[in-house]
Amino acid sequence: MSLKHAINMEDLRVIARRRLPRIVFDFVEGGADDEACLDRNRNAFGRYALLPSYMVDVAKRDASVTVLGRRYAAPFAISPMGHCGLVCPGVDLMLARAAAKANIPYLMSTASNASIEAAAAAAPQNTWFQIYTCTDEGVNSDLMRRAQALSLEVLVVTVDVPVSSNRERNRRNGFSRPPKLSMGAALEALRHPAWIARFYQCGGIPPMGNWLSYVPAGASPEAAADLFGKLTPDPSMTWERLRAIRSQWRGKLVIKGILNPMDALKAVDIGVDALIISNHGGRQLDPAPATLDMLPFIKAAVGDRAELLLDSGIRRGSDIVKAMALGASTTLFG
């Protein structure tokens, strides 16, 4: 099957599995521990049905939504994704340009292979910047300074990675933080000649564009990745530090990784503008509940005090409708 014949997400998954080395495919698809949360996310959508009401004029349809004061053409956004360059060189900026063309939000990850400056140039009206706080407050402040200097409107702080999770597929494949291609993984990758040709033609492991500013000039791409691996995750992230971020960031502030209604209330009390109800796609805490199951409880807790966005498990348009019916302003997938 070729990309032009793909008609749904499952088709894309099958194509990716065929084209990518196992170490890369498993990094993209895998979850934590037994990967039960992956199934829980999908099964939650299956527990809801949509009750139709017919004889309504739908000759003209408009799927646009207003999120954080801006009108977007569709009720979904591109989730922040790290190390996308392992899948395809230059994909971060491909996503930014596609988001601008489609007029949807593009959440650029701190762990992207392109820089926030490049993403803002490609999609100035659609780029949101996502950060993992790190153990160096100077780097945290500078990342926010760079985003503000680019006049980006939305900062997304991911809070559900206090420690690295146990992703057993990655461990079996020798996938490390930062990414390094072991001899065994390189040999398996030879079964995917198109990928490995691109990989080495582009210089091997792609650099982490947002982190090149924090290593000496002329340092190798591995140096930036090593620094990221050293400074993240940040186990000392607290509500007090979130208050400091709120006071420093002048634009819209979004917290990603909220599942607990009590945490949602604390975040709203601090003054965040929106919450992304997320379990990191099942990649962090395997016993975590499905995001769709928690959405009604969080909506009941915070009401209209903050917008609610949802990710983890979205595969079809009907999933998006279910999430919005339960209180989400929009959804994300990646």
C-alpha atoms as a PDB file:
ATOM      1  CA  MET A   1       0.000   0.000   0.000  1.00  0.00           C
ATOM      2  CA  SER A   2       1.260   3.485  -0.867  1.00  0.00           C
ATOM      3  CA  LEU A   3       0.566   6.712   1.002  1.00  0.00           C
ATOM      4  CA  LYS A   4      -1.802   7.938  -1.711  1.00  0.00           C
ATOM      5  CA  HIS A   5      -3.998   4.884  -1.132  1.00  0.00           C
ATOM      6  CA  ALA A   6      -4.172   5.281   2.667  1.00  0.00           C
ATOM      7  CA  ILE A   7      -7.681   6.178   3.818  1.00  0.00           C
ATOM      8  CA  ASN A   8      -7.417   5.962   7.619  1.00  0.00           C
ATOM      9  CA  MET A   9      -4.986   5.937  10.516  1.00  0.00           C
ATOM     10  CA  GLU A  10      -4.644   2.160  10.497  1.00  0.00           C
ATOM     11  CA  ASP A  11      -3.499   2.269   6.876  1.00  0.00           C
ATOM     12  CA  LEU A  12      -0.823   4.773   7.869  1.00  0.00           C
ATOM     13  CA  ARG A  13       0.272   2.551  10.755  1.00  0.00           C
ATOM     14  CA  VAL A  14       0.677  -0.420   8.417  1.00  0.00           C
ATOM     15  CA  ILE A  15       2.727   1.656   5.978  1.00  0.00           C
ATOM     16  CA  ALA A  16       4.917   2.994   8.783  1.00  0.00           C
ATOM     17  CA  ARG A  17       5.538  -0.474  10.157  1.00  0.00           C
ATOM     18  CA  ARG A  18       6.697  -1.661   6.762  1.00  0.00           C
ATOM     19  CA  ARG A  19       8.913   1.341   6.031  1.00  0.00           C
ATOM     20  CA  LEU A  20      10.499   2.079   9.404  1.00  0.00           C
ATOM     21  CA  PRO A  21      13.145   0.125  11.304  1.00  0.00           C
ATOM     22  CA  ARG A  22      11.723  -1.622  14.340  1.00  0.00           C
ATOM     23  CA  ILE A  23      13.583   0.651  16.769  1.00  0.00           C
ATOM     24  CA  VAL A  24      11.887   3.733  15.259  1.00  0.00           C
ATOM     25  CA  PHE A  25       8.442   2.207  14.748  1.00  0.00           C
ATOM     26  CA  ASP A  26       8.346   0.858  18.313  1.00  0.00           C
ATOM     27  CA  PHE A  27       9.398   4.258  19.667  1.00  0.00           C
ATOM     28  CA  VAL A  28       6.495   5.877  17.805  1.00  0.00           C
ATOM     29  CA  GLU A  29       3.823   3.283  18.604  1.00  0.00           C
ATOM     30  CA  GLY A  30       4.864   1.881  21.978  1.00  0.00           C
ATOM     31  CA  GLY A  31       3.554   2.692  25.426  1.00  0.00           C
ATOM     32  CA  ALA A  32       4.700   2.134  28.992  1.00  0.00           C
ATOM     33  CA  ASP A  33       4.889  -1.208  30.825  1.00  0.00           C
ATOM     34  CA  ASP A  34       2.220  -3.639  29.496  1.00  0.00           C
ATOM     35  CA  GLU A  35       0.792  -0.982  27.149  1.00  0.00           C
ATOM     36  CA  ALA A  36      -2.668  -1.461  28.659  1.00  0.00           C
ATOM     37  CA  CYS A  37      -3.255   2.296  28.632  1.00  0.00           C
ATOM     38  CA  LEU A  38      -2.969   2.320  24.844  1.00  0.00           C
ATOM     39  CA  ASP A  39      -5.942  -0.044  24.644  1.00  0.00           C
ATOM     40  CA  ARG A  40      -7.782   1.818  27.413  1.00  0.00           C
ATOM     41  CA  ASN A  41      -7.599   5.053  25.448  1.00  0.00           C
ATOM     42  CA  ARG A  42      -9.086   3.461  22.340  1.00  0.00           C
ATOM     43  CA  ASN A  43     -11.697   1.376  24.151  1.00  0.00           C
ATOM     44  CA  ALA A  44     -13.056   4.451  25.921  1.00  0.00           C
ATOM     45  CA  PHE A  45     -14.271   5.883  22.627  1.00  0.00           C
ATOM     46  CA  GLY A  46     -16.016   2.608  21.825  1.00  0.00           C
ATOM     47  CA  ARG A  47     -18.123   2.865  24.970  1.00  0.00           C
ATOM     48  CA  TYR A  48     -19.894   5.944  23.621  1.00  0.00           C
ATOM     49  CA  ALA A  49     -22.372   6.022  20.731  1.00  0.00           C
ATOM     50  CA  LEU A  50     -23.605   9.035  18.801  1.00  0.00           C
ATOM     51  CA  LEU A  51     -27.362   9.585  18.743  1.00  0.00           C
ATOM     52  CA  PRO A  52     -28.249  11.275  15.442  1.00  0.00           C
ATOM     53  CA  SER A  53     -30.969  13.817  14.810  1.00  0.00           C
ATOM     54  CA  TYR A  54     -31.923  13.980  11.129  1.00  0.00           C
ATOM     55  CA  MET A  55     -33.924  16.326   8.870  1.00  0.00           C
ATOM     56  CA  VAL A  56     -31.477  19.160   9.507  1.00  0.00           C
ATOM     57  CA  ASP A  57     -30.060  21.212   6.624  1.00  0.00           C
ATOM     58  CA  VAL A  58     -26.364  20.249   6.415  1.00  0.00           C
ATOM     59  CA  ALA A  59     -25.765  21.347   2.830  1.00  0.00           C
ATOM     60  CA  LYS A  60     -23.261  23.888   4.152  1.00  0.00           C
ATOM     61  CA  ARG A  61     -20.970  22.583   6.858  1.00  0.00           C
ATOM     62  CA  ASP A  62     -18.402  24.401   8.984  1.00  0.00           C
ATOM     63  CA  ALA A  63     -16.003  22.448  11.212  1.00  0.00           C
ATOM     64  CA  SER A  64     -14.138  25.502  12.495  1.00  0.00           C
ATOM     65  CA  VAL A  65     -13.661  26.119  16.210  1.00  0.00           C
ATOM     66  CA  THR A  66     -12.437  28.957  18.380  1.00  0.00           C
ATOM     67  CA  VAL A  67      -9.659  27.945  20.760  1.00  0.00           C
ATOM     68  CA  LEU A  68      -7.903  30.396  23.079  1.00  0.00           C
ATOM     69  CA  GLY A  69      -9.361  33.327  21.183  1.00  0.00           C
ATOM     70  CA  ARG A  70      -8.301  32.266  17.687  1.00  0.00           C
ATOM     71  CA  ARG A  71     -10.447  30.676  14.981  1.00  0.00           C
ATOM     72  CA  TYR A  72      -9.115  27.445  13.473  1.00  0.00           C
ATOM     73  CA  ALA A  73     -10.480  25.549  10.487  1.00  0.00           C
ATOM     74  CA  ALA A  74     -10.927  22.172  12.183  1.00  0.00           C
ATOM     75  CA  PRO A  75     -11.365  20.787  15.720  1.00  0.00           C
ATOM     76  CA  PHE A  76      -7.988  19.106  16.005  1.00  0.00           C
ATOM     77  CA  ALA A  77      -4.351  20.046  16.444  1.00  0.00           C
ATOM     78  CA  ILE A  78      -0.973  18.375  15.959  1.00  0.00           C
ATOM     79  CA  SER A  79       0.353  17.097  19.276  1.00  0.00           C
ATOM     80  CA  PRO A  80       3.922  17.861  20.358  1.00  0.00           C
ATOM     81  CA  MET A  81       6.206  15.032  19.234  1.00  0.00           C
ATOM     82  CA  GLY A  82       9.907  14.642  19.932  1.00  0.00           C
ATOM     83  CA  HIS A  83      12.552  13.064  17.697  1.00  0.00           C
ATOM     84  CA  CYS A  84      10.301  13.151  14.618  1.00  0.00           C
ATOM     85  CA  GLY A  85      13.410  13.445  12.470  1.00  0.00           C
ATOM     86  CA  LEU A  86      14.059   9.775  13.126  1.00  0.00           C
ATOM     87  CA  VAL A  87      10.946   8.981  11.080  1.00  0.00           C
ATOM     88  CA  CYS A  88      11.668  11.399   8.243  1.00  0.00           C
ATOM     89  CA  PRO A  89      14.254  14.197   7.926  1.00  0.00           C
ATOM     90  CA  GLY A  90      12.732  17.653   8.181  1.00  0.00           C
ATOM     91  CA  VAL A  91       9.333  16.411   9.323  1.00  0.00           C
ATOM     92  CA  ASP A  92       8.924  19.020  12.098  1.00  0.00           C
ATOM     93  CA  LEU A  93       8.811  21.855   9.584  1.00  0.00           C
ATOM     94  CA  MET A  94       6.655  19.770   7.232  1.00  0.00           C
ATOM     95  CA  LEU A  95       4.127  19.552  10.064  1.00  0.00           C
ATOM     96  CA  ALA A  96       4.388  23.290  10.776  1.00  0.00           C
ATOM     97  CA  ARG A  97       3.754  24.166   7.135  1.00  0.00           C
ATOM     98  CA  ALA A  98       0.886  21.670   6.887  1.00  0.00           C
ATOM     99  CA  ALA A  99      -0.706  23.187  10.007  1.00  0.00           C
ATOM    100  CA  ALA A 100      -0.442  26.665   8.546  1.00  0.00           C
ATOM    101  CA  LYS A 101      -1.970  25.509   5.257  1.00  0.00           C
ATOM    102  CA  ALA A 102      -4.848  23.735   7.041  1.00  0.00           C
ATOM    103  CA  ASN A 103      -5.163  26.474   9.695  1.00  0.00           C
ATOM    104  CA  ILE A 104      -4.877  24.215  12.746  1.00  0.00           C
ATOM    105  CA  PRO A 105      -2.542  24.530  15.742  1.00  0.00           C
ATOM    106  CA  TYR A 106       0.903  22.950  15.574  1.00  0.00           C
ATOM    107  CA  LEU A 107       2.347  22.229  19.011  1.00  0.00           C
ATOM    108  CA  MET A 108       6.108  22.231  18.600  1.00  0.00           C
ATOM    109  CA  SER A 109       7.932  20.041  21.107  1.00  0.00           C
ATOM    110  CA  THR A 110      10.994  21.130  23.034  1.00  0.00           C
ATOM    111  CA  ALA A 111      12.425  17.800  21.860  1.00  0.00           C
ATOM    112  CA  SER A 112      11.844  18.560  18.175  1.00  0.00           C
ATOM    113  CA  ASN A 113      14.660  18.247  15.700  1.00  0.00           C
ATOM    114  CA  ALA A 114      13.964  21.698  14.248  1.00  0.00           C
ATOM    115  CA  SER A 115      14.167  24.902  16.278  1.00  0.00           C
ATOM    116  CA  ILE A 116      11.300  26.989  17.574  1.00  0.00           C
ATOM    117  CA  GLU A 117      12.637  29.863  15.474  1.00  0.00           C
ATOM    118  CA  ALA A 118      12.324  27.772  12.296  1.00  0.00           C
ATOM    119  CA  ALA A 119       8.825  26.612  13.206  1.00  0.00           C
ATOM    120  CA  ALA A 120       7.682  30.164  13.923  1.00  0.00           C
ATOM    121  CA  ALA A 121       9.019  31.268  10.552  1.00  0.00           C
ATOM    122  CA  ALA A 122       7.143  28.443   8.824  1.00  0.00           C
ATOM    123  CA  ALA A 123       3.856  28.867  10.718  1.00  0.00           C
ATOM    124  CA  PRO A 124       3.837  32.119  12.722  1.00  0.00           C
ATOM    125  CA  GLN A 125       0.071  32.130  13.365  1.00  0.00           C
ATOM    126  CA  ASN A 126      -0.297  28.430  14.113  1.00  0.00           C
ATOM    127  CA  THR A 127       2.727  27.439  16.204  1.00  0.00           C
ATOM    128  CA  TRP A 128       2.318  26.828  19.918  1.00  0.00           C
ATOM    129  CA  PHE A 129       5.468  25.993  21.902  1.00  0.00           C
ATOM    130  CA  GLN A 130       5.519  23.007  24.257  1.00  0.00           C
ATOM    131  CA  ILE A 131       8.189  22.706  26.937  1.00  0.00           C
ATOM    132  CA  TYR A 132       9.301  20.092  29.392  1.00  0.00           C
ATOM    133  CA  THR A 133      10.736  21.981  32.308  1.00  0.00           C
ATOM    134  CA  CYS A 134      14.316  20.914  32.951  1.00  0.00           C
ATOM    135  CA  THR A 135      16.542  21.023  36.017  1.00  0.00           C
ATOM    136  CA  ASP A 136      18.329  24.169  34.756  1.00  0.00           C
ATOM    137  CA  GLU A 137      16.163  27.202  35.480  1.00  0.00           C
ATOM    138  CA  GLY A 138      18.281  29.292  33.135  1.00  0.00           C
ATOM    139  CA  VAL A 139      17.363  27.064  30.210  1.00  0.00           C
ATOM    140  CA  ASN A 140      13.684  27.091  31.234  1.00  0.00           C
ATOM    141  CA  SER A 141      13.624  30.874  31.287  1.00  0.00           C
ATOM    142  CA  ASP A 142      15.504  31.179  28.030  1.00  0.00           C
ATOM    143  CA  LEU A 143      13.157  28.809  26.199  1.00  0.00           C
ATOM    144  CA  MET A 144      10.244  31.012  27.243  1.00  0.00           C
ATOM    145  CA  ARG A 145      12.182  34.158  26.330  1.00  0.00           C
ATOM    146  CA  ARG A 146      12.815  32.783  22.832  1.00  0.00           C
ATOM    147  CA  ALA A 147       9.137  31.948  22.368  1.00  0.00           C
ATOM    148  CA  GLN A 148       8.063  35.400  23.532  1.00  0.00           C
ATOM    149  CA  ALA A 149      10.623  37.071  21.267  1.00  0.00           C
ATOM    150  CA  LEU A 150       8.953  35.289  18.347  1.00  0.00           C
ATOM    151  CA  SER A 151       5.536  36.640  19.449  1.00  0.00           C
ATOM    152  CA  LEU A 152       4.136  33.155  19.897  1.00  0.00           C
ATOM    153  CA  GLU A 153       0.782  33.326  21.631  1.00  0.00           C
ATOM    154  CA  VAL A 154       0.588  29.957  23.424  1.00  0.00           C
ATOM    155  CA  LEU A 155       2.986  28.166  25.756  1.00  0.00           C
ATOM    156  CA  VAL A 156       2.224  24.534  26.643  1.00  0.00           C
ATOM    157  CA  VAL A 157       3.871  23.076  29.754  1.00  0.00           C
ATOM    158  CA  THR A 158       3.872  19.280  29.925  1.00  0.00           C
ATOM    159  CA  VAL A 159       3.641  18.100  33.537  1.00  0.00           C
ATOM    160  CA  ASP A 160       3.158  14.330  33.293  1.00  0.00           C
ATOM    161  CA  VAL A 161       6.822  13.341  32.883  1.00  0.00           C
ATOM    162  CA  PRO A 162       8.367  13.719  36.366  1.00  0.00           C
ATOM    163  CA  VAL A 163      10.532  10.658  35.630  1.00  0.00           C
ATOM    164  CA  SER A 164      11.298   8.577  32.566  1.00  0.00           C
ATOM    165  CA  SER A 165       8.773   5.810  32.001  1.00  0.00           C
ATOM    166  CA  ASN A 166       9.426   2.113  31.507  1.00  0.00           C
ATOM    167  CA  ARG A 167       8.951   1.631  27.762  1.00  0.00           C
ATOM    168  CA  GLU A 168       9.892  -1.982  27.319  1.00  0.00           C
ATOM    169  CA  ARG A 169       9.908  -1.960  23.535  1.00  0.00           C
ATOM    170  CA  ASN A 170      12.567   0.754  23.662  1.00  0.00           C
ATOM    171  CA  ARG A 171      14.607  -1.215  26.171  1.00  0.00           C
ATOM    172  CA  ARG A 172      14.513  -4.368  24.056  1.00  0.00           C
ATOM    173  CA  ASN A 173      15.551  -2.403  20.972  1.00  0.00           C
ATOM    174  CA  GLY A 174      18.341  -0.539  22.741  1.00  0.00           C
ATOM    175  CA  PHE A 175      16.642   2.827  22.247  1.00  0.00           C
ATOM    176  CA  SER A 176      18.286   5.257  24.653  1.00  0.00           C
ATOM    177  CA  ARG A 177      17.832   8.825  25.783  1.00  0.00           C
ATOM    178  CA  PRO A 178      19.275  10.551  23.831  1.00  0.00           C
ATOM    179  CA  PRO A 179      18.672   8.344  20.776  1.00  0.00           C
ATOM    180  CA  LYS A 180      21.634   6.341  19.557  1.00  0.00           C
ATOM    181  CA  LEU A 181      21.594   3.634  16.893  1.00  0.00           C
ATOM    182  CA  SER A 182      23.180   0.466  18.275  1.00  0.00           C
ATOM    183  CA  MET A 183      24.874  -2.098  16.058  1.00  0.00           C
ATOM    184  CA  GLY A 184      21.903  -4.475  16.371  1.00  0.00           C
ATOM    185  CA  ALA A 185      19.426  -1.735  15.508  1.00  0.00           C
ATOM    186  CA  ALA A 186      21.549  -0.659  12.551  1.00  0.00           C
ATOM    187  CA  LEU A 187      21.631  -4.216  11.211  1.00  0.00           C
ATOM    188  CA  GLU A 188      17.834  -4.536  11.521  1.00  0.00           C
ATOM    189  CA  ALA A 189      17.466  -1.158   9.805  1.00  0.00           C
ATOM    190  CA  LEU A 190      19.196  -2.586   6.738  1.00  0.00           C
ATOM    191  CA  ARG A 191      15.881  -4.293   5.997  1.00  0.00           C
ATOM    192  CA  HIS A 192      14.532  -0.783   5.315  1.00  0.00           C
ATOM    193  CA  PRO A 193      17.023   0.548   2.739  1.00  0.00           C
ATOM    194  CA  ALA A 194      15.098   3.726   1.858  1.00  0.00           C
ATOM    195  CA  TRP A 195      15.020   4.797   5.502  1.00  0.00           C
ATOM    196  CA  ILE A 196      18.657   4.004   6.197  1.00  0.00           C
ATOM    197  CA  ALA A 197      19.771   5.787   3.029  1.00  0.00           C
ATOM    198  CA  ARG A 198      17.959   8.960   4.143  1.00  0.00           C
ATOM    199  CA  PHE A 199      19.302   8.532   7.676  1.00  0.00           C
ATOM    200  CA  TYR A 200      22.951   8.510   6.658  1.00  0.00           C
ATOM    201  CA  GLN A 201      22.582  10.998   3.806  1.00  0.00           C
ATOM    202  CA  CYS A 202      21.235  13.486   6.364  1.00  0.00           C
ATOM    203  CA  GLY A 203      24.131  12.906   8.753  1.00  0.00           C
ATOM    204  CA  GLY A 204      22.772  10.238  11.090  1.00  0.00           C
ATOM    205  CA  ILE A 205      20.999  11.097  14.348  1.00  0.00           C
ATOM    206  CA  PRO A 206      19.232  14.441  13.686  1.00  0.00           C
ATOM    207  CA  PRO A 207      20.101  17.368  15.973  1.00  0.00           C
ATOM    208  CA  MET A 208      17.725  18.680  18.621  1.00  0.00           C
ATOM    209  CA  GLY A 209      17.259  22.148  17.237  1.00  0.00           C
ATOM    210  CA  ASN A 210      15.978  23.826  20.389  1.00  0.00           C
ATOM    211  CA  TRP A 211      18.976  22.653  22.402  1.00  0.00           C
ATOM    212  CA  LEU A 212      21.801  23.656  20.078  1.00  0.00           C
ATOM    213  CA  SER A 213      21.785  27.101  21.744  1.00  0.00           C
ATOM    214  CA  TYR A 214      22.898  25.574  25.040  1.00  0.00           C
ATOM    215  CA  VAL A 215      25.998  23.697  23.875  1.00  0.00           C
ATOM    216  CA  PRO A 216      29.282  25.245  22.681  1.00  0.00           C
ATOM    217  CA  ALA A 217      29.395  26.528  19.122  1.00  0.00           C
ATOM    218  CA  GLY A 218      30.448  23.810  16.738  1.00  0.00           C
ATOM    219  CA  ALA A 219      29.464  21.000  19.112  1.00  0.00           C
ATOM    220  CA  SER A 220      28.100  17.831  17.563  1.00  0.00           C
ATOM    221  CA  PRO A 221      24.362  17.106  17.382  1.00  0.00           C
ATOM    222  CA  GLU A 222      24.981  14.390  19.965  1.00  0.00           C
ATOM    223  CA  ALA A 223      26.105  17.046  22.462  1.00  0.00           C
ATOM    224  CA  ALA A 224      22.718  18.788  22.371  1.00  0.00           C
ATOM    225  CA  ALA A 225      20.914  15.468  22.701  1.00  0.00           C
ATOM    226  CA  ASP A 226      23.167  14.508  25.612  1.00  0.00           C
ATOM    227  CA  LEU A 227      22.337  17.787  27.357  1.00  0.00           C
ATOM    228  CA  PHE A 228      18.618  17.231  26.878  1.00  0.00           C
ATOM    229  CA  GLY A 229      18.981  13.731  28.306  1.00  0.00           C
ATOM    230  CA  LYS A 230      20.910  15.103  31.278  1.00  0.00           C
ATOM    231  CA  LEU A 231      18.516  17.937  32.167  1.00  0.00           C
ATOM    232  CA  THR A 232      15.210  16.148  31.567  1.00  0.00           C
ATOM    233  CA  PRO A 233      12.972  14.876  32.972  1.00  0.00           C
ATOM    234  CA  ASP A 234      12.620  17.291  35.881  1.00  0.00           C
ATOM    235  CA  PRO A 235      11.385  15.554  39.041  1.00  0.00           C
ATOM    236  CA  SER A 236      11.292  18.843  40.980  1.00  0.00           C
ATOM    237  CA  MET A 237       8.411  20.439  39.037  1.00  0.00           C
ATOM    238  CA  THR A 238       5.843  21.793  41.536  1.00  0.00           C
ATOM    239  CA  TRP A 239       2.804  24.034  41.648  1.00  0.00           C
ATOM    240  CA  GLU A 240       5.019  26.856  42.938  1.00  0.00           C
ATOM    241  CA  ARG A 241       7.143  26.635  39.817  1.00  0.00           C
ATOM    242  CA  LEU A 242       3.992  26.685  37.706  1.00  0.00           C
ATOM    243  CA  ARG A 243       3.034  29.937  39.419  1.00  0.00           C
ATOM    244  CA  ALA A 244       6.443  31.336  38.477  1.00  0.00           C
ATOM    245  CA  ILE A 245       5.919  30.311  34.867  1.00  0.00           C
ATOM    246  CA  ARG A 246       2.471  31.939  34.887  1.00  0.00           C
ATOM    247  CA  SER A 247       3.986  35.213  36.114  1.00  0.00           C
ATOM    248  CA  GLN A 248       6.773  35.087  33.518  1.00  0.00           C
ATOM    249  CA  TRP A 249       4.732  34.101  30.451  1.00  0.00           C
ATOM    250  CA  ARG A 250       2.630  36.940  29.052  1.00  0.00           C
ATOM    251  CA  GLY A 251       0.569  34.918  26.582  1.00  0.00           C
ATOM    252  CA  LYS A 252      -1.869  32.034  26.866  1.00  0.00           C
ATOM    253  CA  LEU A 253      -0.680  29.269  29.192  1.00  0.00           C
ATOM    254  CA  VAL A 254      -1.751  25.654  28.685  1.00  0.00           C
ATOM    255  CA  ILE A 255      -0.949  22.709  30.969  1.00  0.00           C
ATOM    256  CA  LYS A 256      -0.652  19.310  29.309  1.00  0.00           C
ATOM    257  CA  GLY A 257      -0.974  16.032  31.177  1.00  0.00           C
ATOM    258  CA  ILE A 258      -3.846  16.712  33.576  1.00  0.00           C
ATOM    259  CA  LEU A 259      -6.061  13.741  34.548  1.00  0.00           C
ATOM    260  CA  ASN A 260      -7.067  14.481  38.140  1.00  0.00           C
ATOM    261  CA  PRO A 261      -9.968  16.935  38.660  1.00  0.00           C
ATOM    262  CA  MET A 262      -8.258  18.272  41.800  1.00  0.00           C
ATOM    263  CA  ASP A 263      -5.127  19.029  39.776  1.00  0.00           C
ATOM    264  CA  ALA A 264      -7.322  20.740  37.205  1.00  0.00           C
ATOM    265  CA  LEU A 265      -8.728  23.025  39.885  1.00  0.00           C
ATOM    266  CA  LYS A 266      -5.244  23.875  41.188  1.00  0.00           C
ATOM    267  CA  ALA A 267      -4.098  24.770  37.678  1.00  0.00           C
ATOM    268  CA  VAL A 268      -7.125  26.977  37.063  1.00  0.00           C
ATOM    269  CA  ASP A 269      -6.601  28.717  40.391  1.00  0.00           C
ATOM    270  CA  ILE A 270      -3.053  29.578  39.292  1.00  0.00           C
ATOM    271  CA  GLY A 271      -4.451  31.182  36.166  1.00  0.00           C
ATOM    272  CA  VAL A 272      -3.833  28.789  33.294  1.00  0.00           C
ATOM    273  CA  ASP A 273      -5.986  29.391  30.249  1.00  0.00           C
ATOM    274  CA  ALA A 274      -6.500  25.798  29.113  1.00  0.00           C
ATOM    275  CA  LEU A 275      -5.839  22.206  30.128  1.00  0.00           C
ATOM    276  CA  ILE A 276      -4.879  19.356  27.840  1.00  0.00           C
ATOM    277  CA  ILE A 277      -6.388  16.229  29.342  1.00  0.00           C
ATOM    278  CA  SER A 278      -3.732  13.711  28.449  1.00  0.00           C
ATOM    279  CA  ASN A 279      -2.047  10.536  29.650  1.00  0.00           C
ATOM    280  CA  HIS A 280       0.805  11.079  27.194  1.00  0.00           C
ATOM    281  CA  GLY A 281      -0.776   8.638  24.800  1.00  0.00           C
ATOM    282  CA  GLY A 282      -0.271   5.814  27.280  1.00  0.00           C
ATOM    283  CA  ARG A 283       3.481   6.359  27.209  1.00  0.00           C
ATOM    284  CA  GLN A 284       4.038   7.388  30.843  1.00  0.00           C
ATOM    285  CA  LEU A 285       1.780   5.742  33.459  1.00  0.00           C
ATOM    286  CA  ASP A 286       0.318   2.485  32.200  1.00  0.00           C
ATOM    287  CA  PRO A 287      -2.407   2.224  34.919  1.00  0.00           C
ATOM    288  CA  ALA A 288      -3.655   5.740  34.144  1.00  0.00           C
ATOM    289  CA  PRO A 289      -7.323   6.143  33.171  1.00  0.00           C
ATOM    290  CA  ALA A 290      -8.388   6.883  29.622  1.00  0.00           C
ATOM    291  CA  THR A 291      -8.524  10.602  28.946  1.00  0.00           C
ATOM    292  CA  LEU A 292     -12.067  10.437  27.579  1.00  0.00           C
ATOM    293  CA  ASP A 293     -13.240   8.831  30.823  1.00  0.00           C
ATOM    294  CA  MET A 294     -11.812  11.714  32.873  1.00  0.00           C
ATOM    295  CA  LEU A 295     -13.062  14.516  30.630  1.00  0.00           C
ATOM    296  CA  PRO A 296     -16.599  14.756  32.126  1.00  0.00           C
ATOM    297  CA  PHE A 297     -15.231  14.825  35.689  1.00  0.00           C
ATOM    298  CA  ILE A 298     -12.742  17.575  34.889  1.00  0.00           C
ATOM    299  CA  LYS A 299     -15.412  19.539  33.027  1.00  0.00           C
ATOM    300  CA  ALA A 300     -17.687  19.293  36.068  1.00  0.00           C
ATOM    301  CA  ALA A 301     -14.865  20.507  38.317  1.00  0.00           C
ATOM    302  CA  VAL A 302     -13.647  23.535  36.351  1.00  0.00           C
ATOM    303  CA  GLY A 303     -16.759  24.487  34.387  1.00  0.00           C
ATOM    304  CA  ASP A 304     -16.005  27.374  32.054  1.00  0.00           C
ATOM    305  CA  ARG A 305     -12.989  28.655  33.974  1.00  0.00           C
ATOM    306  CA  ALA A 306     -10.579  27.106  31.466  1.00  0.00           C
ATOM    307  CA  GLU A 307     -10.824  25.542  28.045  1.00  0.00           C
ATOM    308  CA  LEU A 308     -10.390  21.781  27.902  1.00  0.00           C
ATOM    309  CA  LEU A 309      -8.485  20.038  25.133  1.00  0.00           C
ATOM    310  CA  LEU A 310      -8.041  16.276  24.856  1.00  0.00           C
ATOM    311  CA  ASP A 311      -5.520  13.897  23.367  1.00  0.00           C
ATOM    312  CA  SER A 312      -4.655  10.176  23.547  1.00  0.00           C
ATOM    313  CA  GLY A 313      -6.644   7.694  21.495  1.00  0.00           C
ATOM    314  CA  ILE A 314      -8.028   9.952  18.748  1.00  0.00           C
ATOM    315  CA  ARG A 315      -8.226   8.022  15.469  1.00  0.00           C
ATOM    316  CA  ARG A 316     -11.340   9.212  13.617  1.00  0.00           C
ATOM    317  CA  GLY A 317     -13.572  12.227  13.214  1.00  0.00           C
ATOM    318  CA  SER A 318     -16.260  10.512  15.258  1.00  0.00           C
ATOM    319  CA  ASP A 319     -13.778  10.352  18.162  1.00  0.00           C
ATOM    320  CA  ILE A 320     -13.424  14.113  17.950  1.00  0.00           C
ATOM    321  CA  VAL A 321     -17.203  14.565  17.998  1.00  0.00           C
ATOM    322  CA  LYS A 322     -17.458  12.402  21.135  1.00  0.00           C
ATOM    323  CA  ALA A 323     -14.748  14.393  22.898  1.00  0.00           C
ATOM    324  CA  MET A 324     -16.394  17.696  22.035  1.00  0.00           C
ATOM    325  CA  ALA A 325     -19.804  16.412  23.131  1.00  0.00           C
ATOM    326  CA  LEU A 326     -18.261  15.625  26.517  1.00  0.00           C
ATOM    327  CA  GLY A 327     -16.785  19.097  26.932  1.00  0.00           C
ATOM    328  CA  ALA A 328     -13.572  19.428  24.921  1.00  0.00           C
ATOM    329  CA  SER A 329     -12.976  22.595  22.885  1.00  0.00           C
ATOM    330  CA  THR A 330     -10.735  20.718  20.482  1.00  0.00           C
ATOM    331  CA  THR A 331      -8.552  17.610  20.300  1.00  0.00           C
ATOM    332  CA  LEU A 332      -4.972  16.673  19.480  1.00  0.00           C
ATOM    333  CA  PHE A 333      -3.269  13.672  17.960  1.00  0.00           C
ATOM    334  CA  GLY A 334       0.227  12.774  16.892  1.00  0.00           C
END
